[in-house]
Amino acid sequence: MAIISAFIALLALFATIYSSILQRSHNRLSSKPALNTILDGPSMSLYLSNHGLGPAFLKEAEAIFDGETYNLLIEKESDSFSSHLCAGTSKGTKYSWMILEKDAAIAAGAEQKMLKIHSDNENEWNAVYQALDRCAIKIVYESIYKEKGITTHIGNNVKTAASSRTNA
């Protein structure tokens, strides 16, 4: 009788461990971010959007434009990139560029405007759109469980890499 009781207790222990593993996996999946860049012609804007289920924490952001690399987390380099990107617009055209911050969180379902052209002239956006075709933007982010994700905007195409776990 003692052997059967010990066996049942051991089965209960294994069931509890297995249930904990499943719960942890579910928690990870239910809080996974998914960042993308969105080009919105009607509003003349470039957005960073989180279509995932959890917050994304920005870790790295860089752009390569006409062979030059810019760290978008450094204000001076970010300003230089936006100036070069908008160089094809008419003189006097106003634009705003949001400087990204390391470890900044983008909530699930939220969008972060990166670039906005303040003009009613569609040609201004077309100039920036053509410049973006010569550009690559790479954003590295983490989930609350320290899983890394990468989204890359390459010449008006967006690619998102699957997340991978890093040891913290």
Protein backbone atom coordinates (compact mmCIF):
# COMPACT_ATOMS: atom_id res chain seq x y z
CA MET A 1 0.00 0.00 0.00
CA ALA A 2 2.87 2.39 0.77
CA ILE A 3 4.34 1.76 -2.68
CA ILE A 4 1.07 2.70 -4.39
CA SER A 5 0.82 5.89 -2.30
CA ALA A 6 4.40 6.83 -3.20
CA PHE A 7 3.70 6.11 -6.88
CA ILE A 8 0.57 8.32 -6.86
CA ALA A 9 2.51 11.10 -5.09
CA LEU A 10 5.26 10.84 -7.72
CA LEU A 11 2.70 11.04 -10.55
CA ALA A 12 1.17 14.12 -8.91
CA LEU A 13 4.62 15.70 -8.69
CA PHE A 14 5.30 15.05 -12.39
CA ALA A 15 1.85 16.42 -13.33
CA THR A 16 2.54 19.59 -11.33
CA ILE A 17 5.95 20.09 -12.96
CA TYR A 18 4.52 19.51 -16.43
CA SER A 19 1.65 21.93 -15.74
CA SER A 20 4.14 24.58 -14.59
CA ILE A 21 6.17 24.15 -17.78
CA LEU A 22 3.04 24.55 -19.91
CA GLN A 23 1.94 27.63 -17.94
CA ARG A 24 5.33 29.28 -18.34
CA SER A 25 5.29 28.62 -22.08
CA HIS A 26 1.79 30.08 -22.33
CA ASN A 27 2.84 33.17 -20.37
CA ARG A 28 5.76 33.77 -22.74
CA LEU A 29 3.59 33.46 -25.83
CA SER A 30 0.83 35.64 -24.41
CA SER A 31 3.24 38.52 -23.80
CA LYS A 32 5.30 38.36 -26.99
CA PRO A 33 5.76 41.65 -28.88
CA ALA A 34 5.92 41.95 -32.68
CA LEU A 35 7.32 45.24 -34.05
CA ASN A 36 6.92 46.37 -37.64
CA THR A 37 7.54 49.59 -39.51
CA ILE A 38 4.54 51.06 -41.30
CA LEU A 39 4.67 53.59 -44.12
CA ASP A 40 1.43 55.57 -44.17
CA GLY A 41 1.10 57.65 -47.31
CA PRO A 42 -2.16 59.46 -46.46
CA SER A 43 -0.75 60.82 -43.17
CA MET A 44 2.76 61.13 -44.67
CA SER A 45 4.26 59.21 -41.72
CA LEU A 46 6.58 56.35 -40.82
CA TYR A 47 5.51 54.43 -37.71
CA LEU A 48 7.00 51.75 -35.49
CA SER A 49 4.03 49.55 -34.55
CA ASN A 50 3.69 46.72 -32.01
CA HIS A 51 1.19 44.16 -33.28
CA GLY A 52 2.15 41.65 -30.59
CA LEU A 53 0.53 40.78 -27.29
CA GLY A 54 3.13 42.28 -24.94
CA PRO A 55 5.34 45.35 -24.65
CA ALA A 56 8.52 45.70 -26.71
CA PHE A 57 11.60 47.26 -25.12
CA LEU A 58 13.92 48.93 -27.65
CA LYS A 59 17.52 47.76 -27.41
CA GLU A 60 19.13 48.83 -30.70
CA ALA A 61 18.05 50.98 -33.62
CA GLU A 62 20.19 51.73 -36.62
CA ALA A 63 19.71 52.93 -40.15
CA ILE A 64 21.89 52.55 -43.22
CA PHE A 65 21.27 55.22 -45.83
CA ASP A 66 23.38 55.62 -48.96
CA GLY A 67 26.14 53.54 -47.37
CA GLU A 68 26.32 55.49 -44.11
CA THR A 69 25.27 53.93 -40.78
CA TYR A 70 23.36 55.92 -38.15
CA ASN A 71 22.65 54.88 -34.57
CA LEU A 72 19.06 56.04 -34.08
CA LEU A 73 19.41 55.94 -30.29
CA ILE A 74 21.93 58.80 -30.39
CA GLU A 75 20.25 62.17 -30.92
CA LYS A 76 22.95 63.69 -33.15
CA GLU A 77 23.08 60.66 -35.46
CA SER A 78 19.30 60.36 -35.51
CA ASP A 79 18.95 64.03 -36.49
CA SER A 80 21.58 63.60 -39.19
CA PHE A 81 19.75 60.57 -40.60
CA SER A 82 16.41 62.37 -40.71
CA SER A 83 18.02 65.38 -42.42
CA HIS A 84 19.54 63.16 -45.11
CA LEU A 85 16.29 61.23 -45.49
CA CYS A 86 14.28 64.43 -46.03
CA ALA A 87 16.91 66.17 -48.18
CA GLY A 88 14.81 65.60 -51.33
CA THR A 89 11.87 67.61 -50.03
CA SER A 90 11.29 71.23 -51.01
CA LYS A 91 13.16 73.89 -49.10
CA GLY A 92 11.11 74.96 -46.12
CA THR A 93 9.18 71.70 -45.83
CA LYS A 94 8.77 70.88 -42.17
CA TYR A 95 9.10 67.39 -40.77
CA SER A 96 9.35 65.89 -37.33
CA TRP A 97 11.53 62.95 -36.36
CA MET A 98 11.00 61.13 -33.06
CA ILE A 99 14.25 60.23 -31.36
CA LEU A 100 14.10 56.68 -30.06
CA GLU A 101 15.34 55.88 -26.56
CA LYS A 102 17.09 52.72 -25.39
CA ASP A 103 14.83 50.54 -23.21
CA ALA A 104 11.77 52.62 -24.14
CA ALA A 105 8.63 50.48 -24.10
CA ILE A 106 6.13 50.30 -26.92
CA ALA A 107 2.91 48.83 -25.55
CA ALA A 108 1.00 46.05 -27.27
CA GLY A 109 -1.21 47.55 -29.96
CA ALA A 110 0.58 50.91 -29.81
CA GLU A 111 2.33 52.86 -32.54
CA GLN A 112 5.32 55.15 -32.21
CA LYS A 113 5.53 57.78 -34.92
CA MET A 114 9.11 57.99 -36.19
CA LEU A 115 8.72 60.49 -39.04
CA LYS A 116 6.00 62.95 -40.02
CA ILE A 117 6.08 65.23 -43.07
CA HIS A 118 4.10 68.41 -42.35
CA SER A 119 2.86 69.27 -45.83
CA ASP A 120 -0.27 69.00 -47.96
CA ASN A 121 1.91 68.36 -51.01
CA GLU A 122 2.04 64.65 -51.82
CA ASN A 123 5.29 65.18 -53.73
CA GLU A 124 7.06 65.81 -50.42
CA TRP A 125 6.06 62.35 -49.16
CA ASN A 126 7.00 60.80 -52.51
CA ALA A 127 10.52 62.24 -52.15
CA VAL A 128 10.87 60.71 -48.68
CA TYR A 129 9.32 57.43 -49.86
CA GLN A 130 11.91 57.20 -52.64
CA ALA A 131 14.68 57.96 -50.14
CA LEU A 132 13.36 55.17 -47.88
CA ASP A 133 13.80 52.81 -50.82
CA ARG A 134 17.58 53.40 -50.47
CA CYS A 135 17.46 52.84 -46.72
CA ALA A 136 17.60 49.95 -44.25
CA ILE A 137 16.33 50.38 -40.71
CA LYS A 138 16.98 47.66 -38.12
CA ILE A 139 15.24 47.66 -34.74
CA VAL A 140 16.23 45.14 -32.03
CA TYR A 141 13.80 44.75 -29.15
CA GLU A 142 13.09 42.46 -26.20
CA SER A 143 10.01 41.04 -24.54
CA ILE A 144 9.46 41.16 -20.79
CA TYR A 145 11.04 37.67 -20.74
CA LYS A 146 14.23 38.98 -22.42
CA GLU A 147 13.44 37.27 -25.74
CA LYS A 148 14.96 39.23 -28.62
CA GLY A 149 13.15 40.19 -31.77
CA ILE A 150 14.37 42.06 -34.84
CA THR A 151 12.39 44.02 -37.37
CA THR A 152 14.10 45.28 -40.49
CA HIS A 153 12.80 47.83 -42.96
CA ILE A 154 14.72 47.32 -46.21
CA GLY A 155 13.86 49.48 -49.19
CA ASN A 156 10.14 49.83 -48.44
CA ASN A 157 9.87 46.14 -47.47
CA VAL A 158 9.53 44.95 -43.90
CA LYS A 159 10.90 41.71 -42.45
CA THR A 160 10.45 40.50 -38.91
CA ALA A 161 12.69 37.80 -37.41
CA ALA A 162 11.40 35.30 -34.92
CA SER A 163 12.27 35.95 -31.33
CA SER A 164 15.06 34.06 -29.65
CA ARG A 165 15.79 33.70 -25.97
CA THR A 166 18.84 35.33 -24.45
CA ASN A 167 20.11 34.62 -20.99
CA ALA A 168 19.75 37.55 -18.68
